[in-house]
C-alpha atoms as a PDB file:
ATOM      1  CA  ILE A   1      97.797 113.221 -74.353  1.00  0.00           C
ATOM      2  CA  GLU A   2     100.327 115.873 -73.316  1.00  0.00           C
ATOM      3  CA  ASP A   3     100.550 117.768 -76.607  1.00  0.00           C
ATOM      4  CA  PRO A   4      97.602 120.157 -77.086  1.00  0.00           C
ATOM      5  CA  VAL A   5      97.297 119.938 -80.843  1.00  0.00           C
ATOM      6  CA  CYS A   6      94.656 118.726 -83.233  1.00  0.00           C
ATOM      7  CA  SER A   7      95.214 117.718 -86.824  1.00  0.00           C
ATOM      8  CA  VAL A   8      92.701 117.103 -89.571  1.00  0.00           C
ATOM      9  CA  GLY A   9      93.442 116.289 -93.191  1.00  0.00           C
ATOM     10  CA  GLU A  10      92.710 119.046 -95.678  1.00  0.00           C
ATOM     11  CA  GLU A  11      91.144 116.441 -97.954  1.00  0.00           C
ATOM     12  CA  ASN A  12      88.354 116.044 -95.393  1.00  0.00           C
ATOM     13  CA  LEU A  13      88.021 119.735 -94.506  1.00  0.00           C
ATOM     14  CA  LEU A  14      87.858 120.797 -98.151  1.00  0.00           C
ATOM     15  CA  SER A  15      85.992 117.749 -99.507  1.00  0.00           C
ATOM     16  CA  TYR A  16      88.584 116.567-101.995  1.00  0.00           C
ATOM     17  CA  ASN A  17      87.549 113.751-104.286  1.00  0.00           C
ATOM     18  CA  GLY A  18      89.013 110.547-102.916  1.00  0.00           C
ATOM     19  CA  ASP A  19      88.664 111.562 -99.249  1.00  0.00           C
ATOM     20  CA  PRO A  20      88.316 108.200 -97.471  1.00  0.00           C
ATOM     21  CA  TYR A  21      86.190 109.852 -94.759  1.00  0.00           C
ATOM     22  CA  PHE A  22      83.974 111.922 -97.082  1.00  0.00           C
ATOM     23  CA  SER A  23      80.739 111.070 -95.275  1.00  0.00           C
ATOM     24  CA  GLU A  24      81.852 112.394 -91.881  1.00  0.00           C
ATOM     25  CA  SER A  25      83.693 115.339 -90.389  1.00  0.00           C
ATOM     26  CA  ILE A  26      87.008 114.287 -88.910  1.00  0.00           C
ATOM     27  CA  LEU A  27      87.252 117.805 -87.457  1.00  0.00           C
ATOM     28  CA  ILE A  28      84.306 117.110 -85.136  1.00  0.00           C
ATOM     29  CA  HIS A  29      85.878 113.798 -84.063  1.00  0.00           C
ATOM     30  CA  GLU A  30      89.319 115.281 -83.383  1.00  0.00           C
ATOM     31  CA  PHE A  31      87.907 118.390 -81.733  1.00  0.00           C
ATOM     32  CA  ALA A  32      85.911 116.081 -79.427  1.00  0.00           C
ATOM     33  CA  HIS A  33      89.223 114.577 -78.267  1.00  0.00           C
ATOM     34  CA  ASN A  34      90.514 118.072 -77.519  1.00  0.00           C
ATOM     35  CA  ILE A  35      87.358 119.066 -75.651  1.00  0.00           C
ATOM     36  CA  HIS A  36      87.777 115.921 -73.545  1.00  0.00           C
ATOM     37  CA  LEU A  37      91.532 115.854 -72.988  1.00  0.00           C
ATOM     38  CA  ARG A  38      92.334 119.579 -72.912  1.00  0.00           C
ATOM     39  CA  GLY A  39      89.145 120.976 -71.454  1.00  0.00           C
ATOM     40  CA  LEU A  40      86.873 118.637 -69.558  1.00  0.00           C
ATOM     41  CA  VAL A  41      89.549 116.788 -67.584  1.00  0.00           C
ATOM     42  CA  ASN A  42      90.749 120.167 -66.288  1.00  0.00           C
ATOM     43  CA  LEU A  43      87.328 121.736 -65.689  1.00  0.00           C
ATOM     44  CA  ASP A  44      85.689 118.674 -64.149  1.00  0.00           C
ATOM     45  CA  PRO A  45      88.065 116.237 -62.421  1.00  0.00           C
ATOM     46  CA  THR A  46      85.251 113.648 -62.287  1.00  0.00           C
ATOM     47  CA  PHE A  47      84.526 113.648 -66.018  1.00  0.00           C
ATOM     48  CA  ASP A  48      87.125 111.132 -67.201  1.00  0.00           C
ATOM     49  CA  ASP A  49      86.206 108.589 -64.515  1.00  0.00           C
ATOM     50  CA  ARG A  50      82.503 109.013 -65.316  1.00  0.00           C
ATOM     51  CA  LEU A  51      83.253 108.592 -69.021  1.00  0.00           C
ATOM     52  CA  LYS A  52      85.297 105.442 -68.320  1.00  0.00           C
ATOM     53  CA  ALA A  53      82.477 104.008 -66.190  1.00  0.00           C
ATOM     54  CA  THR A  54      79.934 104.779 -68.921  1.00  0.00           C
ATOM     55  CA  TYR A  55      82.218 103.166 -71.510  1.00  0.00           C
ATOM     56  CA  ASP A  56      82.693 100.074 -69.319  1.00  0.00           C
ATOM     57  CA  ARG A  57      78.908  99.705 -68.876  1.00  0.00           C
ATOM     58  CA  ALA A  58      78.355 100.049 -72.620  1.00  0.00           C
ATOM     59  CA  MET A  59      80.989  97.386 -73.323  1.00  0.00           C
ATOM     60  CA  GLN A  60      79.411  95.034 -70.744  1.00  0.00           C
ATOM     61  CA  LEU A  61      76.081  95.483 -72.526  1.00  0.00           C
ATOM     62  CA  GLY A  62      77.704  94.637 -75.864  1.00  0.00           C
ATOM     63  CA  LEU A  63      77.142  98.086 -77.326  1.00  0.00           C
ATOM     64  CA  TRP A  64      79.443  99.165 -80.143  1.00  0.00           C
ATOM     65  CA  ARG A  65      80.741  95.587 -80.424  1.00  0.00           C
ATOM     66  CA  THR A  66      83.553  95.388 -83.021  1.00  0.00           C
ATOM     67  CA  LYS A  67      83.171  99.102 -83.838  1.00  0.00           C
ATOM     68  CA  TYR A  68      85.694 101.919 -83.467  1.00  0.00           C
ATOM     69  CA  ALA A  69      83.811 103.301 -80.460  1.00  0.00           C
ATOM     70  CA  SER A  70      84.698 100.074 -78.604  1.00  0.00           C
ATOM     71  CA  VAL A  71      88.478 100.581 -78.865  1.00  0.00           C
ATOM     72  CA  ASN A  72      88.788 102.720 -75.699  1.00  0.00           C
ATOM     73  CA  HIS A  73      86.963 105.452 -73.811  1.00  0.00           C
ATOM     74  CA  PHE A  74      88.696 108.176 -75.844  1.00  0.00           C
ATOM     75  CA  GLU A  75      87.320 106.910 -79.158  1.00  0.00           C
ATOM     76  CA  TYR A  76      83.988 106.077 -77.518  1.00  0.00           C
ATOM     77  CA  TRP A  77      83.618 109.754 -76.587  1.00  0.00           C
ATOM     78  CA  ALA A  78      84.736 111.134 -79.960  1.00  0.00           C
ATOM     79  CA  GLU A  79      82.452 108.777 -81.884  1.00  0.00           C
ATOM     80  CA  GLY A  80      79.570 109.677 -79.579  1.00  0.00           C
ATOM     81  CA  VAL A  81      80.144 113.397 -80.105  1.00  0.00           C
ATOM     82  CA  GLN A  82      80.099 112.890 -83.870  1.00  0.00           C
ATOM     83  CA  SER A  83      76.732 111.173 -83.596  1.00  0.00           C
ATOM     84  CA  TRP A  84      75.473 113.827 -81.144  1.00  0.00           C
ATOM     85  CA  PHE A  85      76.070 116.400 -83.861  1.00  0.00           C
ATOM     86  CA  GLY A  86      74.714 114.172 -86.637  1.00  0.00           C
ATOM     87  CA  ASN A  87      77.988 113.710 -88.426  1.00  0.00           C
ATOM     88  CA  ASN A  88      79.096 110.101 -88.266  1.00  0.00           C
ATOM     89  CA  ARG A  89      79.519 107.599 -91.079  1.00  0.00           C
ATOM     90  CA  PRO A  90      76.863 105.171 -92.217  1.00  0.00           C
ATOM     91  CA  PRO A  91      77.376 101.538 -91.150  1.00  0.00           C
ATOM     92  CA  ASP A  92      80.682  99.993 -92.215  1.00  0.00           C
ATOM     93  CA  HIS A  93      83.568  98.021 -90.679  1.00  0.00           C
ATOM     94  CA  ASP A  94      84.089 100.772 -88.047  1.00  0.00           C
ATOM     95  CA  HIS A  95      80.552 102.069 -87.496  1.00  0.00           C
ATOM     96  CA  ASN A  96      77.107 100.770 -86.697  1.00  0.00           C
ATOM     97  CA  PHE A  97      73.832 102.542 -87.520  1.00  0.00           C
ATOM     98  CA  VAL A  98      74.184 105.249 -84.830  1.00  0.00           C
ATOM     99  CA  ASP A  99      74.949 108.511 -86.601  1.00  0.00           C
ATOM    100  CA  THR A 100      72.380 110.957 -85.188  1.00  0.00           C
ATOM    101  CA  ARG A 101      71.569 112.392 -81.773  1.00  0.00           C
ATOM    102  CA  ARG A 102      68.233 110.583 -81.614  1.00  0.00           C
ATOM    103  CA  GLU A 103      69.858 107.239 -82.461  1.00  0.00           C
ATOM    104  CA  LEU A 104      72.572 107.847 -79.848  1.00  0.00           C
ATOM    105  CA  MET A 105      69.962 108.649 -77.180  1.00  0.00           C
ATOM    106  CA  GLN A 106      68.105 105.423 -77.954  1.00  0.00           C
ATOM    107  CA  TYR A 107      71.134 103.154 -78.405  1.00  0.00           C
ATOM    108  CA  ASP A 108      73.489 104.412 -75.678  1.00  0.00           C
ATOM    109  CA  PRO A 109      71.645 106.647 -73.202  1.00  0.00           C
ATOM    110  CA  GLY A 110      74.695 106.833 -70.918  1.00  0.00           C
ATOM    111  CA  LEU A 111      76.910 108.348 -73.589  1.00  0.00           C
ATOM    112  CA  ALA A 112      74.080 110.600 -74.759  1.00  0.00           C
ATOM    113  CA  LYS A 113      73.683 111.857 -71.181  1.00  0.00           C
ATOM    114  CA  LEU A 114      77.359 112.868 -71.066  1.00  0.00           C
ATOM    115  CA  CYS A 115      77.066 114.603 -74.446  1.00  0.00           C
ATOM    116  CA  ARG A 116      73.973 116.481 -73.246  1.00  0.00           C
ATOM    117  CA  GLU A 117      75.803 117.480 -70.054  1.00  0.00           C
ATOM    118  CA  VAL A 118      78.703 118.947 -72.036  1.00  0.00           C
ATOM    119  CA  PHE A 119      76.952 120.380 -75.088  1.00  0.00           C
ATOM    120  CA  GLY A 120      73.430 120.978 -73.825  1.00  0.00           C
ATOM    121  CA  ARG A 121      70.857 121.093 -76.566  1.00  0.00           C
ATOM    122  CA  THR A 122      73.243 122.861 -78.934  1.00  0.00           C
ATOM    123  CA  ARG A 123      72.375 122.262 -82.565  1.00  0.00           C
ATOM    124  CA  LEU A 124      75.384 122.235 -84.810  1.00  0.00           C
ATOM    125  CA  VAL A 125      74.793 121.386 -88.416  1.00  0.00           C
ATOM    126  CA  TYR A 126      78.127 120.881 -90.104  1.00  0.00           C
ATOM    127  CA  THR A 127      78.090 121.365 -93.836  1.00  0.00           C
ATOM    128  CA  LYS A 128      80.884 120.502 -96.208  1.00  0.00           C
ATOM    129  CA  ALA A 129      83.032 123.248 -97.732  1.00  0.00           C
ATOM    130  CA  PRO A 130      81.439 123.105-101.212  1.00  0.00           C
ATOM    131  CA  THR A 131      78.081 124.100 -99.688  1.00  0.00           C
ATOM    132  CA  ARG A 132      79.405 127.315 -98.129  1.00  0.00           C
ATOM    133  CA  LEU A 133      81.810 129.037-100.504  1.00  0.00           C
ATOM    134  CA  VAL A 134      81.676 132.439 -98.796  1.00  0.00           C
ATOM    135  CA  GLY A 135      83.814 134.253 -96.256  1.00  0.00           C
ATOM    136  CA  HIS A 136      87.142 132.495 -95.830  1.00  0.00           C
ATOM    137  CA  LEU A 137      86.160 129.982 -98.542  1.00  0.00           C
ATOM    138  CA  LYS A 138      85.305 132.640-101.112  1.00  0.00           C
ATOM    139  CA  GLY A 139      87.260 131.836-104.245  1.00  0.00           C
ATOM    140  CA  TYR A 140      87.728 128.160-103.364  1.00  0.00           C
ATOM    141  CA  ASP A 141      86.650 126.012-106.289  1.00  0.00           C
ATOM    142  CA  PRO A 142      86.170 122.354-105.321  1.00  0.00           C
ATOM    143  CA  ARG A 143      86.236 121.394-109.009  1.00  0.00           C
ATOM    144  CA  THR A 144      89.916 122.347-109.173  1.00  0.00           C
ATOM    145  CA  ALA A 145      90.890 120.725-105.863  1.00  0.00           C
ATOM    146  CA  PRO A 146      93.329 117.832-106.009  1.00  0.00           C
ATOM    147  CA  THR A 147      92.165 114.236-105.732  1.00  0.00           C
ATOM    148  CA  PHE A 148      93.263 112.546-102.528  1.00  0.00           C
ATOM    149  CA  VAL A 149      95.209 109.301-102.874  1.00  0.00           C
ATOM    150  CA  TRP A 150      96.919 107.492-100.026  1.00  0.00           C
ATOM    151  CA  PRO A 151     100.694 107.433-100.570  1.00  0.00           C
ATOM    152  CA  GLU A 152     101.873 104.049-101.843  1.00  0.00           C
ATOM    153  CA  ARG A 153     104.176 103.671 -98.834  1.00  0.00           C
ATOM    154  CA  LEU A 154     101.124 103.443 -96.529  1.00  0.00           C
ATOM    155  CA  ASN A 155      99.453 100.488 -98.244  1.00  0.00           C
ATOM    156  CA  GLU A 156     100.836  97.920 -95.792  1.00  0.00           C
ATOM    157  CA  VAL A 157      99.843 100.027 -92.800  1.00  0.00           C
ATOM    158  CA  LYS A 158      96.327 100.403 -94.230  1.00  0.00           C
ATOM    159  CA  LYS A 159      96.077  96.608 -94.564  1.00  0.00           C
ATOM    160  CA  GLN A 160      97.198  96.138 -90.943  1.00  0.00           C
ATOM    161  CA  ILE A 161      94.680  98.686 -89.669  1.00  0.00           C
ATOM    162  CA  ARG A 162      91.867  97.063 -91.642  1.00  0.00           C
ATOM    163  CA  ALA A 163      92.850  93.603 -90.330  1.00  0.00           C
ATOM    164  CA  GLU A 164      92.822  94.910 -86.748  1.00  0.00           C
ATOM    165  CA  ALA A 165      89.387  96.429 -87.333  1.00  0.00           C
ATOM    166  CA  GLN A 166      88.053  93.141 -88.691  1.00  0.00           C
ATOM    167  CA  ASN A 167      89.432  91.260 -85.679  1.00  0.00           C
ATOM    168  CA  ARG A 168      87.998  93.680 -83.116  1.00  0.00           C
ATOM    169  CA  LYS A 169      85.836  91.948 -80.542  1.00  0.00           C
END
């Protein structure tokens, strides 16, 4: 929490084949953490406590049960921001059906209210690199990009993470 950096894999930013998170933008998720932990907590000393209270209410209601958003209030916020901007994954072991602003507003009005407070009615439509090969991406050819493969040495860690996700309550 003390180091103001953000990291996102190039495989996700540049849409490499094999990207395990191809259907979402990890940049939006990680940038949401930075907005929260580097910006909002300094600009509005009440924000973190209000976010925690909203998270606690959602957990009491059984929202996000077993999903990544239930891990803690940090991930709850980042997952909510992804859905606010229509860029979360379809349902899987870490995600339920909420992946759009409208779905977030219906499913978790408390989190949607915080997103609206911070972002207003801003419409951000993130598109993957291959759909916008101009400007700084001019000359980038996705067909020649490498294929992403997790390093062999991380296989055990991946299994542990998946087991933890499956055992989430």
